[in-house]
C-alpha atoms as a PDB file:
ATOM      1  CA  MET A   1     -47.258 -24.295 -14.251  1.00  0.00           C
ATOM      2  CA  ASP A   2     -49.200 -21.193 -13.927  1.00  0.00           C
ATOM      3  CA  ASN A   3     -49.307 -19.480 -10.448  1.00  0.00           C
ATOM      4  CA  THR A   4     -52.995 -20.102  -9.375  1.00  0.00           C
ATOM      5  CA  PRO A   5     -52.939 -17.602  -6.449  1.00  0.00           C
ATOM      6  CA  ALA A   6     -51.660 -14.845  -8.633  1.00  0.00           C
ATOM      7  CA  LYS A   7     -54.188 -15.730 -11.405  1.00  0.00           C
ATOM      8  CA  LEU A   8     -57.011 -15.462  -8.880  1.00  0.00           C
ATOM      9  CA  TYR A   9     -55.651 -12.084  -7.663  1.00  0.00           C
ATOM     10  CA  THR A  10     -55.643 -10.861 -11.207  1.00  0.00           C
ATOM     11  CA  MET A  11     -59.272 -11.854 -11.647  1.00  0.00           C
ATOM     12  CA  LEU A  12     -60.286  -9.948  -8.476  1.00  0.00           C
ATOM     13  CA  ASN A  13     -58.070  -6.977  -9.023  1.00  0.00           C
ATOM     14  CA  VAL A  14     -60.483  -5.225 -11.366  1.00  0.00           C
ATOM     15  CA  SER A  15     -62.070  -1.829 -10.864  1.00  0.00           C
ATOM     16  CA  ASP A  16     -65.634  -3.230 -10.435  1.00  0.00           C
ATOM     17  CA  ILE A  17     -64.124  -4.767  -7.220  1.00  0.00           C
ATOM     18  CA  THR A  18     -61.236  -2.405  -6.334  1.00  0.00           C
ATOM     19  CA  ASN A  19     -63.690   0.568  -6.333  1.00  0.00           C
ATOM     20  CA  ILE A  20     -65.759  -0.951  -3.670  1.00  0.00           C
ATOM     21  CA  VAL A  21     -63.274  -2.647  -1.200  1.00  0.00           C
ATOM     22  CA  ASN A  22     -60.258  -1.279   0.703  1.00  0.00           C
ATOM     23  CA  ASP A  23     -58.112  -4.414   0.356  1.00  0.00           C
ATOM     24  CA  ILE A  24     -57.589  -7.602  -1.483  1.00  0.00           C
ATOM     25  CA  SER A  25     -55.298 -10.004   0.387  1.00  0.00           C
ATOM     26  CA  PRO A  26     -54.291 -13.626   0.266  1.00  0.00           C
ATOM     27  CA  TYR A  27     -55.178 -15.745   3.342  1.00  0.00           C
ATOM     28  CA  VAL A  28     -55.532 -12.922   5.947  1.00  0.00           C
ATOM     29  CA  ARG A  29     -56.950  -9.370   6.058  1.00  0.00           C
ATOM     30  CA  ASP A  30     -54.437  -6.728   6.951  1.00  0.00           C
ATOM     31  CA  ARG A  31     -55.948  -5.458  10.224  1.00  0.00           C
ATOM     32  CA  GLU A  32     -54.607  -1.995   9.482  1.00  0.00           C
ATOM     33  CA  GLU A  33     -56.846  -1.666   6.510  1.00  0.00           C
ATOM     34  CA  SER A  34     -60.496  -0.732   7.011  1.00  0.00           C
ATOM     35  CA  PHE A  35     -63.510  -2.823   5.930  1.00  0.00           C
ATOM     36  CA  PRO A  36     -64.747  -3.915   3.458  1.00  0.00           C
ATOM     37  CA  ALA A  37     -62.134  -6.397   2.199  1.00  0.00           C
ATOM     38  CA  VAL A  38     -61.653  -9.510   0.045  1.00  0.00           C
ATOM     39  CA  ILE A  39     -59.547 -12.379   1.126  1.00  0.00           C
ATOM     40  CA  TYR A  40     -58.567 -15.282  -1.221  1.00  0.00           C
ATOM     41  CA  GLU A  41     -57.184 -18.569  -0.555  1.00  0.00           C
ATOM     42  CA  VAL A  42     -55.956 -21.377  -2.777  1.00  0.00           C
ATOM     43  CA  PRO A  43     -55.318 -24.210  -0.373  1.00  0.00           C
ATOM     44  CA  ASN A  44     -54.622 -26.989  -2.871  1.00  0.00           C
ATOM     45  CA  GLU A  45     -54.260 -27.847  -6.369  1.00  0.00           C
ATOM     46  CA  GLN A  46     -54.586 -31.192  -8.231  1.00  0.00           C
ATOM     47  CA  PHE A  47     -52.902 -32.385 -11.380  1.00  0.00           C
ATOM     48  CA  ASP A  48     -54.381 -34.878 -13.700  1.00  0.00           C
ATOM     49  CA  ARG A  49     -53.343 -36.592 -16.797  1.00  0.00           C
ATOM     50  CA  THR A  50     -55.824 -36.298 -19.754  1.00  0.00           C
ATOM     51  CA  SER A  51     -56.200 -38.921 -22.543  1.00  0.00           C
ATOM     52  CA  THR A  52     -53.891 -36.915 -24.586  1.00  0.00           C
ATOM     53  CA  GLY A  53     -51.191 -36.961 -21.903  1.00  0.00           C
ATOM     54  CA  TYR A  54     -51.708 -33.181 -21.124  1.00  0.00           C
ATOM     55  CA  ASN A  55     -51.511 -32.129 -17.468  1.00  0.00           C
ATOM     56  CA  ARG A  56     -54.278 -29.839 -16.158  1.00  0.00           C
ATOM     57  CA  ALA A  57     -54.315 -28.065 -12.827  1.00  0.00           C
ATOM     58  CA  LEU A  58     -57.642 -27.956 -10.871  1.00  0.00           C
ATOM     59  CA  ALA A  59     -57.537 -25.651  -7.781  1.00  0.00           C
ATOM     60  CA  ASP A  60     -59.915 -25.388  -5.047  1.00  0.00           C
ATOM     61  CA  ALA A  61     -60.053 -21.740  -3.762  1.00  0.00           C
ATOM     62  CA  GLU A  62     -62.147 -19.544  -1.643  1.00  0.00           C
ATOM     63  CA  VAL A  63     -62.941 -15.807  -1.866  1.00  0.00           C
ATOM     64  CA  THR A  64     -64.266 -14.246   1.210  1.00  0.00           C
ATOM     65  CA  VAL A  65     -65.872 -10.616   1.456  1.00  0.00           C
ATOM     66  CA  LYS A  66     -65.650  -9.204   5.027  1.00  0.00           C
ATOM     67  CA  THR A  67     -67.713  -6.179   5.805  1.00  0.00           C
ATOM     68  CA  ARG A  68     -69.305  -4.486   8.838  1.00  0.00           C
ATOM     69  CA  SER A  69     -72.883  -4.752   7.518  1.00  0.00           C
ATOM     70  CA  ALA A  70     -74.807  -7.825   6.030  1.00  0.00           C
ATOM     71  CA  GLN A  71     -76.217  -5.720   3.165  1.00  0.00           C
ATOM     72  CA  GLN A  72     -72.834  -4.362   2.091  1.00  0.00           C
ATOM     73  CA  GLY A  73     -71.333  -8.007   2.237  1.00  0.00           C
ATOM     74  CA  GLU A  74     -74.251  -9.281  -0.022  1.00  0.00           C
ATOM     75  CA  ASP A  75     -73.728  -6.477  -2.434  1.00  0.00           C
ATOM     76  CA  ILE A  76     -69.971  -6.781  -2.764  1.00  0.00           C
ATOM     77  CA  ALA A  77     -70.264 -10.698  -2.970  1.00  0.00           C
ATOM     78  CA  SER A  78     -72.707 -10.128  -5.867  1.00  0.00           C
ATOM     79  CA  VAL A  79     -70.139  -8.150  -7.709  1.00  0.00           C
ATOM     80  CA  VAL A  80     -67.504 -10.820  -7.037  1.00  0.00           C
ATOM     81  CA  PHE A  81     -69.789 -13.613  -8.024  1.00  0.00           C
ATOM     82  CA  ASP A  82     -70.571 -11.876 -11.449  1.00  0.00           C
ATOM     83  CA  THR A  83     -66.828 -11.234 -11.988  1.00  0.00           C
ATOM     84  CA  LEU A  84     -65.604 -14.744 -11.332  1.00  0.00           C
ATOM     85  CA  ALA A  85     -68.618 -16.347 -13.071  1.00  0.00           C
ATOM     86  CA  ALA A  86     -67.633 -14.410 -16.206  1.00  0.00           C
ATOM     87  CA  GLU A  87     -64.266 -16.255 -16.296  1.00  0.00           C
ATOM     88  CA  SER A  88     -64.226 -19.561 -18.404  1.00  0.00           C
ATOM     89  CA  CYS A  89     -61.882 -21.272 -15.926  1.00  0.00           C
ATOM     90  CA  VAL A  90     -63.995 -20.710 -12.895  1.00  0.00           C
ATOM     91  CA  VAL A  91     -66.839 -22.918 -11.448  1.00  0.00           C
ATOM     92  CA  ILE A  92     -68.555 -21.374  -8.351  1.00  0.00           C
ATOM     93  CA  ASP A  93     -69.551 -24.307  -6.131  1.00  0.00           C
ATOM     94  CA  SER A  94     -71.158 -22.737  -3.219  1.00  0.00           C
ATOM     95  CA  ILE A  95     -71.690 -19.555  -1.076  1.00  0.00           C
ATOM     96  CA  SER A  96     -71.703 -19.395   2.650  1.00  0.00           C
ATOM     97  CA  ARG A  97     -72.367 -16.764   5.125  1.00  0.00           C
ATOM     98  CA  GLU A  98     -71.313 -16.171   8.739  1.00  0.00           C
ATOM     99  CA  TYR A  99     -71.093 -13.434  11.438  1.00  0.00           C
ATOM    100  CA  ASP A 100     -68.424 -12.989  13.888  1.00  0.00           C
ATOM    101  CA  GLN A 101     -68.043 -10.684  16.919  1.00  0.00           C
ATOM    102  CA  SER A 102     -65.744  -7.664  16.514  1.00  0.00           C
ATOM    103  CA  TYR A 103     -62.226  -8.182  17.608  1.00  0.00           C
ATOM    104  CA  ASP A 104     -61.459  -4.481  17.757  1.00  0.00           C
ATOM    105  CA  GLY A 105     -64.124  -3.092  20.127  1.00  0.00           C
ATOM    106  CA  SER A 106     -66.392  -1.830  17.475  1.00  0.00           C
ATOM    107  CA  SER A 107     -70.172  -2.432  18.173  1.00  0.00           C
ATOM    108  CA  ALA A 108     -70.563  -3.755  14.610  1.00  0.00           C
ATOM    109  CA  GLY A 109     -69.487  -7.281  14.026  1.00  0.00           C
ATOM    110  CA  ILE A 110     -67.932  -8.756  10.980  1.00  0.00           C
ATOM    111  CA  TYR A 111     -70.088 -10.307   8.229  1.00  0.00           C
ATOM    112  CA  SER A 112     -68.428 -12.793   5.923  1.00  0.00           C
ATOM    113  CA  VAL A 113     -69.627 -14.132   2.506  1.00  0.00           C
ATOM    114  CA  ARG A 114     -67.450 -16.930   1.265  1.00  0.00           C
ATOM    115  CA  LEU A 115     -67.506 -18.156  -2.279  1.00  0.00           C
ATOM    116  CA  SER A 116     -66.087 -21.628  -2.852  1.00  0.00           C
ATOM    117  CA  ILE A 117     -64.799 -22.127  -6.331  1.00  0.00           C
ATOM    118  CA  GLN A 118     -62.708 -24.319  -8.517  1.00  0.00           C
ATOM    119  CA  ILE A 119     -60.174 -22.925 -11.004  1.00  0.00           C
ATOM    120  CA  SER A 120     -58.948 -25.001 -13.977  1.00  0.00           C
ATOM    121  CA  GLN A 121     -56.130 -24.184 -16.197  1.00  0.00           C
ATOM    122  CA  GLY A 122     -53.576 -25.791 -18.396  1.00  0.00           C
ATOM    123  CA  VAL A 123     -49.973 -26.255 -16.959  1.00  0.00           C
END
């Protein structure tokens, strides 16, 4: 069985993304790192048997871009979208956006753009 979180990290850890964010982390952003950041989650994986008896993994995942400005969030999310869309094993299901108040006293809040995706791979 392949390690799906590690595979997703490898997809995100490319210069097009690492050159424009300060951190790529699983599940939570390191609060010691400055914005912008990318957080990824793989909360579950399903295993199915195909007609040939071969098991395949299908994982639901989320990739969230967190920034201090809406425009920067959209710009980075566009790069993440294009990067993931180029992968044959990724299907992008939806994009959602939200705004949260700052937790650190900054006048700028936190903008989040979340891509919900599915990753398929053989095991």
